[in-house]
Amino acid sequence: MSGQRWTRAGAILGFALGGFFDGILLHQILQWHHLLSLVPGIGDLRAQVVWDGVFHAAMYAVAAWGLVALWRAQRQGPTVPRGIVTGALLMGFGSWHILDALLSHWILGIHRIRIDSPSPLAWDLAWLAVFGILPLVLGLWLRRGGGGGGAPSRAVVAILALVTVGAGAWAQRTPADMPLTAIVFRPSISAEQVAAILDAAGARLVWSDPQMGVVLVDVAPDRRWSFYRKGVMMVSGSGVPAGCFTFSRA
């Protein structure tokens, strides 16, 4: 019974880590796609980065669920069964990529791994095999052979918590080569209002989309939070789960 609790908790957390891996590597670092890159009518940058932020917020919720489940499993079982947690993490990690491929890439068609590739299916299949099927099979193998006592579970919970919090923190960091602050305004705010808000905050406009819905500005870091009182949806570097937003090359 203890093994089942650890398996469930590890799989939930692995699923969240798979989502963080997807968002950090593909949305932020490589910028191969956004969550809704192929959805008709959502072509503007503002909508794309908002939905990327929603995606990362959802992964935070799943990660929190997994950490709570791990904490409960640790309280009910004194040790981690050997191989079970590692296997469960891999199972959850692989399951995320399998679900993403089946649902997002092929059934709903909201994005592909590389939307600018002449052979998107090849990228989808390769990613599915390496990061979906392989981790899942390896996790099942470890789970099946993971009986017996192991390392103290408190240490495992602490390590997994640090890894998860670290992944979330990485998703929020502003890249070293991005000294500017990116801001997404609500659609109801006009370009003239955006200009007035930036002027009042002493922010220097560096770039904007045609509608002034998404802007890059040079502003003091301690002024970022003040924008939320002006009808802003997301501000990079403010600690809000904006996901790929802080890494956008615009």
C-alpha atoms as a PDB file:
ATOM      1  CA  MET A   1       0.000   0.000   0.000  1.00  0.00           C
ATOM      2  CA  SER A   2       2.877   2.321   0.839  1.00  0.00           C
ATOM      3  CA  GLY A   3       4.363   1.632  -2.600  1.00  0.00           C
ATOM      4  CA  GLN A   4       1.133   2.666  -4.280  1.00  0.00           C
ATOM      5  CA  ARG A   5       1.088   5.971  -2.428  1.00  0.00           C
ATOM      6  CA  TRP A   6       4.679   6.687  -3.414  1.00  0.00           C
ATOM      7  CA  THR A   7       3.989   5.679  -7.014  1.00  0.00           C
ATOM      8  CA  ARG A   8       0.964   7.962  -7.254  1.00  0.00           C
ATOM      9  CA  ALA A   9       2.797  10.894  -5.682  1.00  0.00           C
ATOM     10  CA  GLY A  10       5.938  10.406  -7.783  1.00  0.00           C
ATOM     11  CA  ALA A  11       3.943  10.095 -11.000  1.00  0.00           C
ATOM     12  CA  ILE A  12       2.044  13.334 -10.317  1.00  0.00           C
ATOM     13  CA  LEU A  13       5.270  15.188  -9.615  1.00  0.00           C
ATOM     14  CA  GLY A  14       6.966  13.640 -12.651  1.00  0.00           C
ATOM     15  CA  PHE A  15       4.055  14.801 -14.799  1.00  0.00           C
ATOM     16  CA  ALA A  16       4.570  18.376 -13.552  1.00  0.00           C
ATOM     17  CA  LEU A  17       8.321  18.171 -14.142  1.00  0.00           C
ATOM     18  CA  GLY A  18       7.588  17.016 -17.691  1.00  0.00           C
ATOM     19  CA  GLY A  19       5.480  20.114 -18.206  1.00  0.00           C
ATOM     20  CA  PHE A  20       8.215  22.344 -16.759  1.00  0.00           C
ATOM     21  CA  PHE A  21      10.781  20.658 -19.035  1.00  0.00           C
ATOM     22  CA  ASP A  22       8.552  21.244 -22.055  1.00  0.00           C
ATOM     23  CA  GLY A  23       7.868  24.868 -21.194  1.00  0.00           C
ATOM     24  CA  ILE A  24      11.411  25.814 -20.177  1.00  0.00           C
ATOM     25  CA  LEU A  25      13.210  24.102 -23.078  1.00  0.00           C
ATOM     26  CA  LEU A  26      10.759  24.381 -25.979  1.00  0.00           C
ATOM     27  CA  HIS A  27       8.833  27.554 -25.083  1.00  0.00           C
ATOM     28  CA  GLN A  28      11.590  29.570 -23.433  1.00  0.00           C
ATOM     29  CA  ILE A  29      15.114  28.512 -24.377  1.00  0.00           C
ATOM     30  CA  LEU A  30      14.592  27.146 -27.909  1.00  0.00           C
ATOM     31  CA  GLN A  31      11.295  28.970 -28.574  1.00  0.00           C
ATOM     32  CA  TRP A  32      10.178  26.346 -31.088  1.00  0.00           C
ATOM     33  CA  HIS A  33       6.501  26.890 -30.310  1.00  0.00           C
ATOM     34  CA  HIS A  34       3.938  28.481 -28.001  1.00  0.00           C
ATOM     35  CA  LEU A  35       1.109  26.549 -26.381  1.00  0.00           C
ATOM     36  CA  LEU A  36      -1.434  27.747 -28.982  1.00  0.00           C
ATOM     37  CA  SER A  37       0.877  28.416 -31.932  1.00  0.00           C
ATOM     38  CA  LEU A  38      -1.417  26.738 -34.477  1.00  0.00           C
ATOM     39  CA  VAL A  39      -4.799  27.870 -33.142  1.00  0.00           C
ATOM     40  CA  PRO A  40      -6.583  30.070 -35.717  1.00  0.00           C
ATOM     41  CA  GLY A  41      -7.328  33.574 -34.504  1.00  0.00           C
ATOM     42  CA  ILE A  42      -4.629  33.560 -31.809  1.00  0.00           C
ATOM     43  CA  GLY A  43      -1.785  34.936 -33.859  1.00  0.00           C
ATOM     44  CA  ASP A  44      -0.839  37.970 -31.816  1.00  0.00           C
ATOM     45  CA  LEU A  45       1.998  37.793 -29.322  1.00  0.00           C
ATOM     46  CA  ARG A  46      -0.144  39.016 -26.433  1.00  0.00           C
ATOM     47  CA  ALA A  47      -2.534  36.074 -26.549  1.00  0.00           C
ATOM     48  CA  GLN A  48       0.275  33.566 -27.068  1.00  0.00           C
ATOM     49  CA  VAL A  49       2.304  34.617 -24.039  1.00  0.00           C
ATOM     50  CA  VAL A  50      -0.818  34.849 -21.861  1.00  0.00           C
ATOM     51  CA  TRP A  51      -1.719  31.250 -22.651  1.00  0.00           C
ATOM     52  CA  ASP A  52       1.880  30.173 -22.074  1.00  0.00           C
ATOM     53  CA  GLY A  53       1.554  31.781 -18.650  1.00  0.00           C
ATOM     54  CA  VAL A  54      -1.675  29.881 -17.995  1.00  0.00           C
ATOM     55  CA  PHE A  55       0.127  26.668 -18.934  1.00  0.00           C
ATOM     56  CA  HIS A  56       2.914  27.268 -16.424  1.00  0.00           C
ATOM     57  CA  ALA A  57       0.422  28.237 -13.733  1.00  0.00           C
ATOM     58  CA  ALA A  58      -1.318  24.885 -14.302  1.00  0.00           C
ATOM     59  CA  MET A  59       2.019  23.086 -13.936  1.00  0.00           C
ATOM     60  CA  TYR A  60       2.582  24.894 -10.623  1.00  0.00           C
ATOM     61  CA  ALA A  61      -0.754  23.559  -9.392  1.00  0.00           C
ATOM     62  CA  VAL A  62       0.090  19.990 -10.450  1.00  0.00           C
ATOM     63  CA  ALA A  63       3.544  20.261  -8.846  1.00  0.00           C
ATOM     64  CA  ALA A  64       2.011  21.454  -5.582  1.00  0.00           C
ATOM     65  CA  TRP A  65      -0.411  18.517  -5.684  1.00  0.00           C
ATOM     66  CA  GLY A  66       2.498  16.120  -6.193  1.00  0.00           C
ATOM     67  CA  LEU A  67       4.526  17.597  -3.334  1.00  0.00           C
ATOM     68  CA  VAL A  68       1.575  17.334  -0.956  1.00  0.00           C
ATOM     69  CA  ALA A  69       1.081  13.724  -2.034  1.00  0.00           C
ATOM     70  CA  LEU A  70       4.768  13.012  -1.393  1.00  0.00           C
ATOM     71  CA  TRP A  71       4.561  14.570   2.059  1.00  0.00           C
ATOM     72  CA  ARG A  72       1.551  12.396   2.907  1.00  0.00           C
ATOM     73  CA  ALA A  73       3.278   9.279   1.594  1.00  0.00           C
ATOM     74  CA  GLN A  74       6.323  10.052   3.735  1.00  0.00           C
ATOM     75  CA  ARG A  75       4.184  10.430   6.853  1.00  0.00           C
ATOM     76  CA  GLN A  76       2.512   7.068   6.234  1.00  0.00           C
ATOM     77  CA  GLY A  77       5.643   5.125   5.247  1.00  0.00           C
ATOM     78  CA  PRO A  78       9.031   5.375   7.002  1.00  0.00           C
ATOM     79  CA  THR A  79      11.175   4.551   3.959  1.00  0.00           C
ATOM     80  CA  VAL A  80      11.046   4.827   0.196  1.00  0.00           C
ATOM     81  CA  PRO A  81      10.736   1.432  -1.535  1.00  0.00           C
ATOM     82  CA  ARG A  82      13.852   0.970  -3.662  1.00  0.00           C
ATOM     83  CA  GLY A  83      13.395   2.208  -7.236  1.00  0.00           C
ATOM     84  CA  ILE A  84       9.728   3.065  -6.837  1.00  0.00           C
ATOM     85  CA  VAL A  85      10.007   6.849  -6.615  1.00  0.00           C
ATOM     86  CA  THR A  86      12.519   7.103  -9.458  1.00  0.00           C
ATOM     87  CA  GLY A  87      10.353   4.847 -11.587  1.00  0.00           C
ATOM     88  CA  ALA A  88       7.218   6.796 -10.750  1.00  0.00           C
ATOM     89  CA  LEU A  89       8.885  10.095 -11.636  1.00  0.00           C
ATOM     90  CA  LEU A  90       9.953   8.715 -15.011  1.00  0.00           C
ATOM     91  CA  MET A  91       6.467   7.303 -15.583  1.00  0.00           C
ATOM     92  CA  GLY A  92       4.908  10.699 -14.922  1.00  0.00           C
ATOM     93  CA  PHE A  93       7.522  12.500 -17.003  1.00  0.00           C
ATOM     94  CA  GLY A  94       6.987  10.191 -19.962  1.00  0.00           C
ATOM     95  CA  SER A  95       3.208  10.304 -19.578  1.00  0.00           C
ATOM     96  CA  TRP A  96       3.247  14.086 -19.926  1.00  0.00           C
ATOM     97  CA  HIS A  97       5.050  13.902 -23.288  1.00  0.00           C
ATOM     98  CA  ILE A  98       2.837  11.089 -24.554  1.00  0.00           C
ATOM     99  CA  LEU A  99      -0.299  13.026 -23.608  1.00  0.00           C
ATOM    100  CA  ASP A 100       1.106  16.208 -25.134  1.00  0.00           C
ATOM    101  CA  ALA A 101       1.899  14.439 -28.412  1.00  0.00           C
ATOM    102  CA  LEU A 102      -1.451  12.680 -28.701  1.00  0.00           C
ATOM    103  CA  LEU A 103      -3.658  15.539 -27.515  1.00  0.00           C
ATOM    104  CA  SER A 104      -1.844  18.775 -28.377  1.00  0.00           C
ATOM    105  CA  HIS A 105       0.024  17.725 -31.527  1.00  0.00           C
ATOM    106  CA  TRP A 106      -2.330  15.326 -33.290  1.00  0.00           C
ATOM    107  CA  ILE A 107      -5.876  15.429 -31.878  1.00  0.00           C
ATOM    108  CA  LEU A 108      -6.289  19.147 -31.131  1.00  0.00           C
ATOM    109  CA  GLY A 109      -3.446  20.359 -33.357  1.00  0.00           C
ATOM    110  CA  ILE A 110      -2.702  23.414 -31.216  1.00  0.00           C
ATOM    111  CA  HIS A 111       1.071  23.166 -31.737  1.00  0.00           C
ATOM    112  CA  ARG A 112       3.868  20.875 -32.918  1.00  0.00           C
ATOM    113  CA  ILE A 113       7.358  20.355 -31.534  1.00  0.00           C
ATOM    114  CA  ARG A 114       8.896  22.454 -34.326  1.00  0.00           C
ATOM    115  CA  ILE A 115       6.232  24.382 -36.156  1.00  0.00           C
ATOM    116  CA  ASP A 116       8.822  25.888 -38.540  1.00  0.00           C
ATOM    117  CA  SER A 117      10.148  22.487 -39.619  1.00  0.00           C
ATOM    118  CA  PRO A 118       9.400  21.097 -43.112  1.00  0.00           C
ATOM    119  CA  SER A 119       8.861  17.708 -41.407  1.00  0.00           C
ATOM    120  CA  PRO A 120       6.932  18.426 -38.177  1.00  0.00           C
ATOM    121  CA  LEU A 121       5.743  14.820 -37.857  1.00  0.00           C
ATOM    122  CA  ALA A 122       9.329  13.559 -37.729  1.00  0.00           C
ATOM    123  CA  TRP A 123      10.088  15.920 -34.837  1.00  0.00           C
ATOM    124  CA  ASP A 124       6.880  14.883 -33.074  1.00  0.00           C
ATOM    125  CA  LEU A 125       7.700  11.187 -33.370  1.00  0.00           C
ATOM    126  CA  ALA A 126      11.326  11.606 -32.295  1.00  0.00           C
ATOM    127  CA  TRP A 127      10.334  13.672 -29.260  1.00  0.00           C
ATOM    128  CA  LEU A 128       7.614  11.187 -28.351  1.00  0.00           C
ATOM    129  CA  ALA A 129      10.065   8.278 -28.509  1.00  0.00           C
ATOM    130  CA  VAL A 130      12.921   9.899 -26.576  1.00  0.00           C
ATOM    131  CA  PHE A 131      11.036  11.865 -23.916  1.00  0.00           C
ATOM    132  CA  GLY A 132       7.741   9.974 -23.793  1.00  0.00           C
ATOM    133  CA  ILE A 133       7.933   6.254 -24.494  1.00  0.00           C
ATOM    134  CA  LEU A 134      11.524   5.668 -23.298  1.00  0.00           C
ATOM    135  CA  PRO A 135      11.065   7.273 -19.836  1.00  0.00           C
ATOM    136  CA  LEU A 136       7.705   5.549 -19.399  1.00  0.00           C
ATOM    137  CA  VAL A 137       9.115   2.086 -20.208  1.00  0.00           C
ATOM    138  CA  LEU A 138      12.166   2.682 -18.008  1.00  0.00           C
ATOM    139  CA  GLY A 139       9.941   3.895 -15.181  1.00  0.00           C
ATOM    140  CA  LEU A 140       7.699   0.833 -15.416  1.00  0.00           C
ATOM    141  CA  TRP A 141      10.770  -1.404 -15.317  1.00  0.00           C
ATOM    142  CA  LEU A 142      12.154   0.347 -12.232  1.00  0.00           C
ATOM    143  CA  ARG A 143       8.735   0.312 -10.571  1.00  0.00           C
ATOM    144  CA  ARG A 144       8.330  -3.425 -11.115  1.00  0.00           C
ATOM    145  CA  GLY A 145      11.706  -4.187  -9.542  1.00  0.00           C
ATOM    146  CA  GLY A 146      11.498  -1.606  -6.779  1.00  0.00           C
ATOM    147  CA  GLY A 147      10.591  -3.631  -3.687  1.00  0.00           C
ATOM    148  CA  GLY A 148      12.218  -3.478  -0.275  1.00  0.00           C
ATOM    149  CA  GLY A 149      13.401  -0.657   1.928  1.00  0.00           C
ATOM    150  CA  GLY A 150      15.513   2.209   0.740  1.00  0.00           C
ATOM    151  CA  ALA A 151      16.806   5.615   1.703  1.00  0.00           C
ATOM    152  CA  PRO A 152      14.962   7.678   4.336  1.00  0.00           C
ATOM    153  CA  SER A 153      11.928   9.182   2.629  1.00  0.00           C
ATOM    154  CA  ARG A 154      12.315  12.611   4.238  1.00  0.00           C
ATOM    155  CA  ALA A 155      15.516  13.171   2.296  1.00  0.00           C
ATOM    156  CA  VAL A 156      13.831  12.106  -0.937  1.00  0.00           C
ATOM    157  CA  VAL A 157      10.899  14.451  -0.364  1.00  0.00           C
ATOM    158  CA  ALA A 158      13.282  17.314   0.413  1.00  0.00           C
ATOM    159  CA  ILE A 159      15.342  16.699  -2.734  1.00  0.00           C
ATOM    160  CA  LEU A 160      12.276  16.442  -4.969  1.00  0.00           C
ATOM    161  CA  ALA A 161      10.819  19.587  -3.427  1.00  0.00           C
ATOM    162  CA  LEU A 162      14.043  21.480  -4.151  1.00  0.00           C
ATOM    163  CA  VAL A 163      14.141  20.207  -7.738  1.00  0.00           C
ATOM    164  CA  THR A 164      10.505  21.209  -8.320  1.00  0.00           C
ATOM    165  CA  VAL A 165      10.871  24.648  -6.735  1.00  0.00           C
ATOM    166  CA  GLY A 166      14.081  25.137  -8.697  1.00  0.00           C
ATOM    167  CA  ALA A 167      12.318  24.300 -11.973  1.00  0.00           C
ATOM    168  CA  GLY A 168       9.565  26.763 -11.159  1.00  0.00           C
ATOM    169  CA  ALA A 169      12.090  29.449 -10.226  1.00  0.00           C
ATOM    170  CA  TRP A 170      13.945  28.891 -13.495  1.00  0.00           C
ATOM    171  CA  ALA A 171      10.710  29.349 -15.397  1.00  0.00           C
ATOM    172  CA  GLN A 172      10.322  32.789 -13.805  1.00  0.00           C
ATOM    173  CA  ARG A 173      13.867  34.083 -14.145  1.00  0.00           C
ATOM    174  CA  THR A 174      14.724  36.871 -16.554  1.00  0.00           C
ATOM    175  CA  PRO A 175      17.527  35.744 -18.897  1.00  0.00           C
ATOM    176  CA  ALA A 176      20.908  37.409 -18.487  1.00  0.00           C
ATOM    177  CA  ASP A 177      20.739  38.701 -22.051  1.00  0.00           C
ATOM    178  CA  MET A 178      17.280  40.234 -21.474  1.00  0.00           C
ATOM    179  CA  PRO A 179      17.794  43.332 -19.282  1.00  0.00           C
ATOM    180  CA  LEU A 180      14.493  44.772 -20.463  1.00  0.00           C
ATOM    181  CA  THR A 181      11.062  44.236 -18.903  1.00  0.00           C
ATOM    182  CA  ALA A 182       8.279  42.706 -21.012  1.00  0.00           C
ATOM    183  CA  ILE A 183       4.692  43.744 -20.263  1.00  0.00           C
ATOM    184  CA  VAL A 184       1.346  42.436 -21.544  1.00  0.00           C
ATOM    185  CA  PHE A 185      -1.558  44.892 -21.301  1.00  0.00           C
ATOM    186  CA  ARG A 186      -5.233  43.995 -21.277  1.00  0.00           C
ATOM    187  CA  PRO A 187      -6.937  44.256 -24.702  1.00  0.00           C
ATOM    188  CA  SER A 188      -9.240  46.991 -23.383  1.00  0.00           C
ATOM    189  CA  ILE A 189      -6.319  49.395 -22.856  1.00  0.00           C
ATOM    190  CA  SER A 190      -5.662  51.630 -25.871  1.00  0.00           C
ATOM    191  CA  ALA A 191      -2.250  52.471 -27.283  1.00  0.00           C
ATOM    192  CA  GLU A 192      -2.591  56.018 -25.959  1.00  0.00           C
ATOM    193  CA  GLN A 193      -3.302  54.709 -22.466  1.00  0.00           C
ATOM    194  CA  VAL A 194      -0.302  52.383 -22.668  1.00  0.00           C
ATOM    195  CA  ALA A 195       1.938  55.314 -23.586  1.00  0.00           C
ATOM    196  CA  ALA A 196       0.593  57.328 -20.647  1.00  0.00           C
ATOM    197  CA  ILE A 197       1.130  54.439 -18.197  1.00  0.00           C
ATOM    198  CA  LEU A 198       4.711  53.956 -19.354  1.00  0.00           C
ATOM    199  CA  ASP A 199       5.413  57.661 -19.152  1.00  0.00           C
ATOM    200  CA  ALA A 200       4.025  57.866 -15.598  1.00  0.00           C
ATOM    201  CA  ALA A 201       6.270  54.971 -14.531  1.00  0.00           C
ATOM    202  CA  GLY A 202       9.345  56.497 -16.111  1.00  0.00           C
ATOM    203  CA  ALA A 203       9.675  53.518 -18.450  1.00  0.00           C
ATOM    204  CA  ARG A 204      11.503  53.914 -21.766  1.00  0.00           C
ATOM    205  CA  LEU A 205       9.753  52.083 -24.612  1.00  0.00           C
ATOM    206  CA  VAL A 206      12.164  49.899 -26.607  1.00  0.00           C
ATOM    207  CA  TRP A 207       9.775  47.734 -28.668  1.00  0.00           C
ATOM    208  CA  SER A 208       6.064  47.051 -29.023  1.00  0.00           C
ATOM    209  CA  ASP A 209       3.714  45.072 -31.213  1.00  0.00           C
ATOM    210  CA  PRO A 210       1.490  47.107 -33.582  1.00  0.00           C
ATOM    211  CA  GLN A 211      -1.376  47.266 -31.058  1.00  0.00           C
ATOM    212  CA  MET A 212       0.880  48.226 -28.108  1.00  0.00           C
ATOM    213  CA  GLY A 213      -0.490  45.159 -26.334  1.00  0.00           C
ATOM    214  CA  VAL A 214       2.962  43.702 -25.670  1.00  0.00           C
ATOM    215  CA  VAL A 215       5.887  46.021 -24.988  1.00  0.00           C
ATOM    216  CA  LEU A 216       9.538  45.836 -23.989  1.00  0.00           C
ATOM    217  CA  VAL A 217      10.651  48.672 -21.751  1.00  0.00           C
ATOM    218  CA  ASP A 218      13.668  49.827 -19.795  1.00  0.00           C
ATOM    219  CA  VAL A 219      12.396  50.440 -16.264  1.00  0.00           C
ATOM    220  CA  ALA A 220      13.716  50.147 -12.719  1.00  0.00           C
ATOM    221  CA  PRO A 221      13.056  46.638 -11.295  1.00  0.00           C
ATOM    222  CA  ASP A 222      11.320  48.070  -8.230  1.00  0.00           C
ATOM    223  CA  ARG A 223       8.680  49.657 -10.481  1.00  0.00           C
ATOM    224  CA  ARG A 224       7.516  46.391 -12.095  1.00  0.00           C
ATOM    225  CA  TRP A 225       4.806  45.564  -9.549  1.00  0.00           C
ATOM    226  CA  SER A 226       3.258  49.031  -9.930  1.00  0.00           C
ATOM    227  CA  PHE A 227       2.117  48.138 -13.461  1.00  0.00           C
ATOM    228  CA  TYR A 228      -0.410  45.619 -12.093  1.00  0.00           C
ATOM    229  CA  ARG A 229      -2.432  48.540 -10.720  1.00  0.00           C
ATOM    230  CA  LYS A 230      -2.723  49.921 -14.251  1.00  0.00           C
ATOM    231  CA  GLY A 231      -4.493  47.037 -15.969  1.00  0.00           C
ATOM    232  CA  VAL A 232      -1.453  44.915 -16.868  1.00  0.00           C
ATOM    233  CA  MET A 233      -1.881  41.156 -17.268  1.00  0.00           C
ATOM    234  CA  MET A 234       1.746  40.032 -16.933  1.00  0.00           C
ATOM    235  CA  VAL A 235       5.122  41.618 -16.179  1.00  0.00           C
ATOM    236  CA  SER A 236       8.385  39.730 -16.623  1.00  0.00           C
ATOM    237  CA  GLY A 237      10.659  39.535 -13.612  1.00  0.00           C
ATOM    238  CA  SER A 238       7.825  40.153 -11.140  1.00  0.00           C
ATOM    239  CA  GLY A 239       7.594  36.557  -9.903  1.00  0.00           C
ATOM    240  CA  VAL A 240       4.174  35.920 -11.471  1.00  0.00           C
ATOM    241  CA  PRO A 241       3.990  32.565 -13.347  1.00  0.00           C
ATOM    242  CA  ALA A 242       4.257  34.058 -16.813  1.00  0.00           C
ATOM    243  CA  GLY A 243       6.173  31.114 -18.224  1.00  0.00           C
ATOM    244  CA  CYS A 244       7.833  31.775 -21.568  1.00  0.00           C
ATOM    245  CA  PHE A 245       7.027  35.455 -21.292  1.00  0.00           C
ATOM    246  CA  THR A 246      10.297  36.385 -19.598  1.00  0.00           C
ATOM    247  CA  PHE A 247      12.254  34.680 -22.384  1.00  0.00           C
ATOM    248  CA  SER A 248      10.327  36.116 -25.344  1.00  0.00           C
ATOM    249  CA  ARG A 249      12.566  37.456 -28.057  1.00  0.00           C
ATOM    250  CA  ALA A 250       9.654  39.429 -29.540  1.00  0.00           C
END
